[in-house]
PDB file of N, CA and C in Angstrom:
ATOM      1  N   MET A   1       0.844  -1.196   0.000  1.00  0.00           N
ATOM      2  CA  MET A   1       0.000   0.000   0.000  1.00  0.00           C
ATOM      3  C   MET A   1       0.882   1.249   0.000  1.00  0.00           C
ATOM      4  N   ASP A   2       0.760   2.032  -1.063  1.00  0.00           N
ATOM      5  CA  ASP A   2       1.581   3.242  -1.129  1.00  0.00           C
ATOM      6  C   ASP A   2       0.751   4.483  -0.816  1.00  0.00           C
ATOM      7  N   ASN A   3       1.390   5.640  -0.915  1.00  0.00           N
ATOM      8  CA  ASN A   3       0.730   6.895  -0.534  1.00  0.00           C
ATOM      9  C   ASN A   3      -0.522   7.172  -1.346  1.00  0.00           C
ATOM     10  N   LYS A   4      -0.486   6.815  -2.656  1.00  0.00           N
ATOM     11  CA  LYS A   4      -1.637   7.095  -3.519  1.00  0.00           C
ATOM     12  C   LYS A   4      -2.862   6.335  -3.025  1.00  0.00           C
ATOM     13  N   ASP A   5      -2.674   5.071  -2.628  1.00  0.00           N
ATOM     14  CA  ASP A   5      -3.790   4.273  -2.106  1.00  0.00           C
ATOM     15  C   ASP A   5      -4.350   4.898  -0.839  1.00  0.00           C
ATOM     16  N   ILE A   6      -3.466   5.347   0.039  1.00  0.00           N
ATOM     17  CA  ILE A   6      -3.889   5.947   1.306  1.00  0.00           C
ATOM     18  C   ILE A   6      -4.680   7.223   1.040  1.00  0.00           C
ATOM     19  N   ILE A   7      -4.203   8.044   0.100  1.00  0.00           N
ATOM     20  CA  ILE A   7      -4.895   9.292  -0.237  1.00  0.00           C
ATOM     21  C   ILE A   7      -6.273   8.992  -0.814  1.00  0.00           C
ATOM     22  N   THR A   8      -6.353   7.990  -1.708  1.00  0.00           N
ATOM     23  CA  THR A   8      -7.633   7.610  -2.313  1.00  0.00           C
ATOM     24  C   THR A   8      -8.596   7.124  -1.249  1.00  0.00           C
ATOM     25  N   LEU A   9      -8.100   6.285  -0.346  1.00  0.00           N
ATOM     26  CA  LEU A   9      -8.925   5.740   0.733  1.00  0.00           C
ATOM     27  C   LEU A   9      -9.427   6.863   1.634  1.00  0.00           C
ATOM     28  N   THR A  10      -8.540   7.780   1.988  1.00  0.00           N
ATOM     29  CA  THR A  10      -8.919   8.917   2.825  1.00  0.00           C
ATOM     30  C   THR A  10      -9.996   9.745   2.141  1.00  0.00           C
ATOM     31  N   GLY A  11      -9.830   9.979   0.841  1.00  0.00           N
ATOM     32  CA  GLY A  11     -10.813  10.734   0.072  1.00  0.00           C
ATOM     33  C   GLY A  11     -12.172  10.061   0.081  1.00  0.00           C
ATOM     34  N   MET A  12     -12.185   8.733  -0.073  1.00  0.00           N
ATOM     35  CA  MET A  12     -13.443   7.987  -0.053  1.00  0.00           C
ATOM     36  C   MET A  12     -14.117   8.100   1.305  1.00  0.00           C
ATOM     37  N   VAL A  13     -13.335   7.904   2.361  1.00  0.00           N
ATOM     38  CA  VAL A  13     -13.881   7.988   3.720  1.00  0.00           C
ATOM     39  C   VAL A  13     -14.445   9.382   3.976  1.00  0.00           C
ATOM     40  N   LEU A  14     -13.702  10.410   3.560  1.00  0.00           N
ATOM     41  CA  LEU A  14     -14.153  11.790   3.748  1.00  0.00           C
ATOM     42  C   LEU A  14     -15.443  12.067   3.000  1.00  0.00           C
ATOM     43  N   SER A  15     -15.550  11.572   1.755  1.00  0.00           N
ATOM     44  CA  SER A  15     -16.760  11.846   0.984  1.00  0.00           C
ATOM     45  C   SER A  15     -17.966  11.137   1.578  1.00  0.00           C
ATOM     46  N   ILE A  16     -17.765   9.919   2.102  1.00  0.00           N
ATOM     47  CA  ILE A  16     -18.853   9.203   2.780  1.00  0.00           C
ATOM     48  C   ILE A  16     -19.265   9.968   4.035  1.00  0.00           C
ATOM     49  N   PHE A  17     -18.277  10.436   4.786  1.00  0.00           N
ATOM     50  CA  PHE A  17     -18.508  11.207   6.009  1.00  0.00           C
ATOM     51  C   PHE A  17     -19.310  12.475   5.702  1.00  0.00           C
ATOM     52  N   VAL A  18     -18.906  13.177   4.637  1.00  0.00           N
ATOM     53  CA  VAL A  18     -19.579  14.409   4.216  1.00  0.00           C
ATOM     54  C   VAL A  18     -21.019  14.126   3.811  1.00  0.00           C
ATOM     55  N   ALA A  19     -21.224  13.057   3.027  1.00  0.00           N
ATOM     56  CA  ALA A  19     -22.575  12.694   2.590  1.00  0.00           C
ATOM     57  C   ALA A  19     -23.459  12.373   3.792  1.00  0.00           C
ATOM     58  N   THR A  20     -22.894  11.652   4.763  1.00  0.00           N
ATOM     59  CA  THR A  20     -23.644  11.304   5.974  1.00  0.00           C
ATOM     60  C   THR A  20     -24.022  12.561   6.752  1.00  0.00           C
ATOM     61  N   LEU A  21     -23.064  13.482   6.885  1.00  0.00           N
ATOM     62  CA  LEU A  21     -23.333  14.750   7.577  1.00  0.00           C
ATOM     63  C   LEU A  21     -24.483  15.498   6.932  1.00  0.00           C
ATOM     64  N   ILE A  22     -24.459  15.573   5.588  1.00  0.00           N
ATOM     65  CA  ILE A  22     -25.509  16.296   4.866  1.00  0.00           C
ATOM     66  C   ILE A  22     -26.854  15.618   5.083  1.00  0.00           C
ATOM     67  N   LEU A  23     -26.867  14.283   5.065  1.00  0.00           N
ATOM     68  CA  LEU A  23     -28.115  13.551   5.277  1.00  0.00           C
ATOM     69  C   LEU A  23     -28.669  13.803   6.668  1.00  0.00           C
ATOM     70  N   ILE A  24     -27.777  13.803   7.667  1.00  0.00           N
ATOM     71  CA  ILE A  24     -28.226  13.966   9.048  1.00  0.00           C
ATOM     72  C   ILE A  24     -28.638  15.413   9.318  1.00  0.00           C
ATOM     73  N   ALA A  25     -27.788  16.356   8.943  1.00  0.00           N
ATOM     74  CA  ALA A  25     -27.978  17.750   9.344  1.00  0.00           C
ATOM     75  C   ALA A  25     -28.840  18.530   8.355  1.00  0.00           C
ATOM     76  N   GLY A  26     -29.059  17.975   7.164  1.00  0.00           N
ATOM     77  CA  GLY A  26     -29.722  18.742   6.116  1.00  0.00           C
ATOM     78  C   GLY A  26     -28.678  19.473   5.286  1.00  0.00           C
ATOM     79  N   ILE A  27     -29.051  19.840   4.064  1.00  0.00           N
ATOM     80  CA  ILE A  27     -28.062  20.374   3.130  1.00  0.00           C
ATOM     81  C   ILE A  27     -27.451  21.680   3.638  1.00  0.00           C
ATOM     82  N   ASP A  28     -28.285  22.595   4.127  1.00  0.00           N
ATOM     83  CA  ASP A  28     -27.771  23.903   4.554  1.00  0.00           C
ATOM     84  C   ASP A  28     -26.759  23.768   5.682  1.00  0.00           C
ATOM     85  N   LYS A  29     -27.148  23.051   6.735  1.00  0.00           N
ATOM     86  CA  LYS A  29     -26.255  22.873   7.882  1.00  0.00           C
ATOM     87  C   LYS A  29     -25.046  22.037   7.491  1.00  0.00           C
ATOM     88  N   GLY A  30     -25.267  21.028   6.652  1.00  0.00           N
ATOM     89  CA  GLY A  30     -24.171  20.165   6.205  1.00  0.00           C
ATOM     90  C   GLY A  30     -23.094  20.953   5.490  1.00  0.00           C
ATOM     91  N   ILE A  31     -23.525  21.820   4.565  1.00  0.00           N
ATOM     92  CA  ILE A  31     -22.566  22.629   3.814  1.00  0.00           C
ATOM     93  C   ILE A  31     -21.833  23.589   4.746  1.00  0.00           C
ATOM     94  N   ALA A  32     -22.569  24.170   5.681  1.00  0.00           N
ATOM     95  CA  ALA A  32     -21.946  25.082   6.644  1.00  0.00           C
ATOM     96  C   ALA A  32     -20.883  24.354   7.464  1.00  0.00           C
ATOM     97  N   LEU A  33     -21.213  23.128   7.909  1.00  0.00           N
ATOM     98  CA  LEU A  33     -20.262  22.327   8.684  1.00  0.00           C
ATOM     99  C   LEU A  33     -19.024  22.002   7.865  1.00  0.00           C
ATOM    100  N   ILE A  34     -19.235  21.612   6.595  1.00  0.00           N
ATOM    101  CA  ILE A  34     -18.115  21.243   5.733  1.00  0.00           C
ATOM    102  C   ILE A  34     -17.204  22.448   5.504  1.00  0.00           C
ATOM    103  N   CYS A  35     -17.810  23.609   5.225  1.00  0.00           N
ATOM    104  CA  CYS A  35     -17.018  24.829   5.010  1.00  0.00           C
ATOM    105  C   CYS A  35     -16.209  25.165   6.258  1.00  0.00           C
ATOM    106  N   GLY A  36     -16.856  25.050   7.418  1.00  0.00           N
ATOM    107  CA  GLY A  36     -16.162  25.309   8.668  1.00  0.00           C
ATOM    108  C   GLY A  36     -14.993  24.358   8.867  1.00  0.00           C
ATOM    109  N   TYR A  37     -15.224  23.075   8.535  1.00  0.00           N
ATOM    110  CA  TYR A  37     -14.195  22.053   8.679  1.00  0.00           C
ATOM    111  C   TYR A  37     -13.021  22.340   7.751  1.00  0.00           C
ATOM    112  N   LEU A  38     -13.326  22.675   6.488  1.00  0.00           N
ATOM    113  CA  LEU A  38     -12.274  22.977   5.517  1.00  0.00           C
ATOM    114  C   LEU A  38     -11.483  24.207   5.940  1.00  0.00           C
ATOM    115  N   ASN A  39     -12.193  25.238   6.431  1.00  0.00           N
ATOM    116  CA  ASN A  39     -11.515  26.446   6.909  1.00  0.00           C
ATOM    117  C   ASN A  39     -10.567  26.113   8.049  1.00  0.00           C
ATOM    118  N   TRP A  40     -11.015  25.224   8.939  1.00  0.00           N
ATOM    119  CA  TRP A  40     -10.203  24.815  10.076  1.00  0.00           C
ATOM    120  C   TRP A  40      -8.927  24.122   9.604  1.00  0.00           C
ATOM    121  N   ILE A  41      -9.050  23.239   8.599  1.00  0.00           N
ATOM    122  CA  ILE A  41      -7.882  22.535   8.058  1.00  0.00           C
ATOM    123  C   ILE A  41      -6.899  23.540   7.460  1.00  0.00           C
ATOM    124  N   VAL A  42      -7.417  24.460   6.631  1.00  0.00           N
ATOM    125  CA  VAL A  42      -6.563  25.465   5.990  1.00  0.00           C
ATOM    126  C   VAL A  42      -5.874  26.332   7.040  1.00  0.00           C
ATOM    127  N   PHE A  43      -6.644  26.719   8.048  1.00  0.00           N
ATOM    128  CA  PHE A  43      -6.126  27.539   9.142  1.00  0.00           C
ATOM    129  C   PHE A  43      -4.968  26.823   9.840  1.00  0.00           C
ATOM    130  N   ASN A  44      -5.155  25.534  10.145  1.00  0.00           N
ATOM    131  CA  ASN A  44      -4.101  24.746  10.793  1.00  0.00           C
ATOM    132  C   ASN A  44      -2.868  24.641   9.910  1.00  0.00           C
ATOM    133  N   GLN A  45      -3.080  24.442   8.594  1.00  0.00           N
ATOM    134  CA  GLN A  45      -1.964  24.367   7.648  1.00  0.00           C
ATOM    135  C   GLN A  45      -1.169  25.668   7.676  1.00  0.00           C
ATOM    136  N   MET A  46      -1.892  26.793   7.650  1.00  0.00           N
ATOM    137  CA  MET A  46      -1.234  28.096   7.647  1.00  0.00           C
ATOM    138  C   MET A  46      -0.433  28.301   8.924  1.00  0.00           C
ATOM    139  N   ILE A  47      -1.012  27.925  10.056  1.00  0.00           N
ATOM    140  CA  ILE A  47      -0.324  28.085  11.338  1.00  0.00           C
ATOM    141  C   ILE A  47       0.940  27.226  11.381  1.00  0.00           C
ATOM    142  N   SER A  48       0.838  25.974  10.927  1.00  0.00           N
ATOM    143  CA  SER A  48       2.007  25.095  10.975  1.00  0.00           C
ATOM    144  C   SER A  48       3.089  25.587  10.014  1.00  0.00           C
ATOM    145  N   MET A  49       2.687  26.092   8.833  1.00  0.00           N
ATOM    146  CA  MET A  49       3.661  26.631   7.885  1.00  0.00           C
ATOM    147  C   MET A  49       4.328  27.877   8.460  1.00  0.00           C
ATOM    148  N   TRP A  50       3.523  28.735   9.088  1.00  0.00           N
ATOM    149  CA  TRP A  50       4.041  29.964   9.677  1.00  0.00           C
ATOM    150  C   TRP A  50       5.022  29.624  10.796  1.00  0.00           C
ATOM    151  N   GLY A  51       4.690  28.607  11.578  1.00  0.00           N
ATOM    152  CA  GLY A  51       5.565  28.162  12.654  1.00  0.00           C
ATOM    153  C   GLY A  51       6.890  27.633  12.121  1.00  0.00           C
ATOM    154  N   LEU A  52       6.831  26.914  10.974  1.00  0.00           N
ATOM    155  CA  LEU A  52       8.045  26.363  10.386  1.00  0.00           C
ATOM    156  C   LEU A  52       8.910  27.458   9.776  1.00  0.00           C
ATOM    157  N   ASN A  53       8.281  28.467   9.183  1.00  0.00           N
ATOM    158  CA  ASN A  53       9.022  29.535   8.504  1.00  0.00           C
ATOM    159  C   ASN A  53       9.631  30.538   9.468  1.00  0.00           C
ATOM    160  N   LYS A  54       9.151  30.548  10.695  1.00  0.00           N
ATOM    161  CA  LYS A  54       9.574  31.546  11.671  1.00  0.00           C
ATOM    162  C   LYS A  54      11.051  31.409  11.993  1.00  0.00           C
TER     163      LYS A  54
END
């Protein structure tokens, strides 16, 4: 199992997770949750990069 397989698997799990969230919370809340989650990931990436560049 190489990195590509792991990335594909992670993507599948994430998309199933997202679909489940939308089904449970409804489309509006689901999209809001997903956007918040993505923003959080980007925010963490920026912080870790900023910490490394310091």
